[in-house]
Amino acid sequence: MFQMFNYPNTTIGCTEAKQLVKEAAAQLLDVRTSLEYSQASIPGAVNVPLAAIQTATIKLDKSRPVIVFCRSGQRSANACVALEGMGFNAVHDLGAITKYLNC
């Protein structure tokens, strides 16, 4: 599926992420499975599981920043690399969903 990469520094803190979302500038992308998403997610987040990341272009606007998260941070890091390869320019890795929920 995905191999291990040396990730560029695309991380974003929860305060900055929440500000971008509040200003309606950024899109939240949950790359956990559909089951994980159905159990709990961040309001307004779009669910595109990592295994189906190629479909992100259908659900997301490439011209707007994307903030990616998952359960622990591994899948979100992989998704960021994939999204950048698909032409998304402003991709930010939040990491674990709990960072946003507990901020």
C-alpha atoms as a PDB file:
ATOM      1  CA  MET A   1       0.000   0.000   0.000  1.00  0.00           C
ATOM      2  CA  PHE A   2       2.085   2.956   1.232  1.00  0.00           C
ATOM      3  CA  GLN A   3       5.746   2.812   2.000  1.00  0.00           C
ATOM      4  CA  MET A   4       7.582   4.715   4.698  1.00  0.00           C
ATOM      5  CA  PHE A   5       8.672   8.188   3.621  1.00  0.00           C
ATOM      6  CA  ASN A   6      10.778  10.968   5.039  1.00  0.00           C
ATOM      7  CA  TYR A   7       7.976  13.414   5.649  1.00  0.00           C
ATOM      8  CA  PRO A   8       8.372  17.131   5.041  1.00  0.00           C
ATOM      9  CA  ASN A   9       7.489  19.386   7.945  1.00  0.00           C
ATOM     10  CA  THR A  10       3.780  19.826   7.250  1.00  0.00           C
ATOM     11  CA  THR A  11       2.609  19.545  10.843  1.00  0.00           C
ATOM     12  CA  ILE A  12       0.114  21.982  12.310  1.00  0.00           C
ATOM     13  CA  GLY A  13      -0.786  22.650  15.931  1.00  0.00           C
ATOM     14  CA  CYS A  14      -4.324  22.422  17.206  1.00  0.00           C
ATOM     15  CA  THR A  15      -4.679  26.148  17.886  1.00  0.00           C
ATOM     16  CA  GLU A  16      -3.682  27.086  14.352  1.00  0.00           C
ATOM     17  CA  ALA A  17      -5.839  24.288  12.915  1.00  0.00           C
ATOM     18  CA  LYS A  18      -8.900  25.453  14.841  1.00  0.00           C
ATOM     19  CA  GLN A  19      -8.315  29.031  13.707  1.00  0.00           C
ATOM     20  CA  LEU A  20      -8.129  28.001  10.044  1.00  0.00           C
ATOM     21  CA  VAL A  21     -11.327  25.975  10.415  1.00  0.00           C
ATOM     22  CA  LYS A  22     -13.080  28.811  12.259  1.00  0.00           C
ATOM     23  CA  GLU A  23     -12.200  31.207   9.435  1.00  0.00           C
ATOM     24  CA  ALA A  24     -13.610  28.620   6.988  1.00  0.00           C
ATOM     25  CA  ALA A  25     -10.264  28.620   5.204  1.00  0.00           C
ATOM     26  CA  ALA A  26      -9.348  24.977   5.823  1.00  0.00           C
ATOM     27  CA  GLN A  27     -10.961  21.614   5.208  1.00  0.00           C
ATOM     28  CA  LEU A  28     -10.691  18.843   7.808  1.00  0.00           C
ATOM     29  CA  LEU A  29      -9.873  15.409   6.423  1.00  0.00           C
ATOM     30  CA  ASP A  30     -10.315  12.297   8.567  1.00  0.00           C
ATOM     31  CA  VAL A  31      -8.357   9.410   7.027  1.00  0.00           C
ATOM     32  CA  ARG A  32      -9.463   6.792   9.540  1.00  0.00           C
ATOM     33  CA  THR A  33     -11.736   3.939   8.471  1.00  0.00           C
ATOM     34  CA  SER A  34     -15.452   4.516   7.980  1.00  0.00           C
ATOM     35  CA  LEU A  35     -16.119   2.575  11.190  1.00  0.00           C
ATOM     36  CA  GLU A  36     -13.753   4.780  13.197  1.00  0.00           C
ATOM     37  CA  TYR A  37     -15.328   7.871  11.652  1.00  0.00           C
ATOM     38  CA  SER A  38     -18.852   6.698  12.542  1.00  0.00           C
ATOM     39  CA  GLN A  39     -17.827   6.231  16.185  1.00  0.00           C
ATOM     40  CA  ALA A  40     -16.511   9.792  16.616  1.00  0.00           C
ATOM     41  CA  SER A  41     -15.036  12.568  14.520  1.00  0.00           C
ATOM     42  CA  ILE A  42     -14.564  16.310  14.381  1.00  0.00           C
ATOM     43  CA  PRO A  43     -17.707  18.161  13.261  1.00  0.00           C
ATOM     44  CA  GLY A  44     -17.444  19.152   9.608  1.00  0.00           C
ATOM     45  CA  ALA A  45     -14.667  16.690   8.812  1.00  0.00           C
ATOM     46  CA  VAL A  46     -14.770  14.769   5.536  1.00  0.00           C
ATOM     47  CA  ASN A  47     -13.989  11.069   5.780  1.00  0.00           C
ATOM     48  CA  VAL A  48     -11.733   9.598   3.103  1.00  0.00           C
ATOM     49  CA  PRO A  49     -10.045   6.491   4.507  1.00  0.00           C
ATOM     50  CA  LEU A  50      -6.349   6.265   3.673  1.00  0.00           C
ATOM     51  CA  ALA A  51      -7.009   3.173   1.537  1.00  0.00           C
ATOM     52  CA  ALA A  52      -9.248   5.331  -0.698  1.00  0.00           C
ATOM     53  CA  ILE A  53      -7.172   8.531  -0.634  1.00  0.00           C
ATOM     54  CA  GLN A  54      -7.265   8.730  -4.445  1.00  0.00           C
ATOM     55  CA  THR A  55     -10.943   9.751  -4.153  1.00  0.00           C
ATOM     56  CA  ALA A  56     -10.061  12.850  -2.126  1.00  0.00           C
ATOM     57  CA  THR A  57     -10.161  14.979  -5.274  1.00  0.00           C
ATOM     58  CA  ILE A  58     -13.906  14.296  -5.485  1.00  0.00           C
ATOM     59  CA  LYS A  59     -14.638  15.481  -1.941  1.00  0.00           C
ATOM     60  CA  LEU A  60     -12.066  18.238  -1.374  1.00  0.00           C
ATOM     61  CA  ASP A  61     -11.198  21.564  -2.966  1.00  0.00           C
ATOM     62  CA  LYS A  62      -7.531  21.598  -4.048  1.00  0.00           C
ATOM     63  CA  SER A  63      -7.436  25.396  -3.772  1.00  0.00           C
ATOM     64  CA  ARG A  64      -8.157  25.371  -0.014  1.00  0.00           C
ATOM     65  CA  PRO A  65      -5.849  24.185   2.796  1.00  0.00           C
ATOM     66  CA  VAL A  66      -6.434  20.639   4.058  1.00  0.00           C
ATOM     67  CA  ILE A  67      -5.845  19.591   7.666  1.00  0.00           C
ATOM     68  CA  VAL A  68      -5.427  15.817   7.890  1.00  0.00           C
ATOM     69  CA  PHE A  69      -5.879  13.678  10.983  1.00  0.00           C
ATOM     70  CA  CYS A  70      -6.270  10.049  12.036  1.00  0.00           C
ATOM     71  CA  ARG A  71      -6.062   8.027  15.265  1.00  0.00           C
ATOM     72  CA  SER A  72      -2.341   8.232  15.985  1.00  0.00           C
ATOM     73  CA  GLY A  73      -0.673  10.257  13.230  1.00  0.00           C
ATOM     74  CA  GLN A  74       0.776   7.547  10.986  1.00  0.00           C
ATOM     75  CA  ARG A  75      -2.051   7.435   8.454  1.00  0.00           C
ATOM     76  CA  SER A  76      -2.340  11.226   8.377  1.00  0.00           C
ATOM     77  CA  ALA A  77       1.361  11.519   7.555  1.00  0.00           C
ATOM     78  CA  ASN A  78       0.960   9.023   4.692  1.00  0.00           C
ATOM     79  CA  ALA A  79      -2.141  10.858   3.472  1.00  0.00           C
ATOM     80  CA  CYS A  80      -0.308  14.200   3.414  1.00  0.00           C
ATOM     81  CA  VAL A  81       2.342  12.778   1.114  1.00  0.00           C
ATOM     82  CA  ALA A  82      -0.312  11.255  -1.143  1.00  0.00           C
ATOM     83  CA  LEU A  83      -2.352  14.486  -1.289  1.00  0.00           C
ATOM     84  CA  GLU A  84       0.705  16.547  -2.173  1.00  0.00           C
ATOM     85  CA  GLY A  85       1.427  14.048  -4.949  1.00  0.00           C
ATOM     86  CA  MET A  86      -2.134  14.572  -6.202  1.00  0.00           C
ATOM     87  CA  GLY A  87      -1.637  18.318  -6.525  1.00  0.00           C
ATOM     88  CA  PHE A  88      -2.945  19.623  -3.207  1.00  0.00           C
ATOM     89  CA  ASN A  89      -0.730  22.576  -2.284  1.00  0.00           C
ATOM     90  CA  ALA A  90      -1.554  23.447   1.328  1.00  0.00           C
ATOM     91  CA  VAL A  91      -1.626  20.148   3.220  1.00  0.00           C
ATOM     92  CA  HIS A  92      -1.131  20.126   6.993  1.00  0.00           C
ATOM     93  CA  ASP A  93      -0.699  17.086   9.235  1.00  0.00           C
ATOM     94  CA  LEU A  94      -2.531  17.473  12.549  1.00  0.00           C
ATOM     95  CA  GLY A  95      -1.717  13.903  13.540  1.00  0.00           C
ATOM     96  CA  ALA A  96      -3.995  12.362  16.141  1.00  0.00           C
ATOM     97  CA  ILE A  97      -7.636  13.368  16.361  1.00  0.00           C
ATOM     98  CA  THR A  98      -7.237  13.776  20.122  1.00  0.00           C
ATOM     99  CA  LYS A  99      -4.928  16.762  19.577  1.00  0.00           C
ATOM    100  CA  TYR A 100      -7.871  18.681  18.101  1.00  0.00           C
ATOM    101  CA  LEU A 101     -10.507  17.382  20.527  1.00  0.00           C
ATOM    102  CA  ASN A 102      -8.418  18.076  23.637  1.00  0.00           C
ATOM    103  CA  CYS A 103      -7.121  21.486  22.584  1.00  0.00           C
END
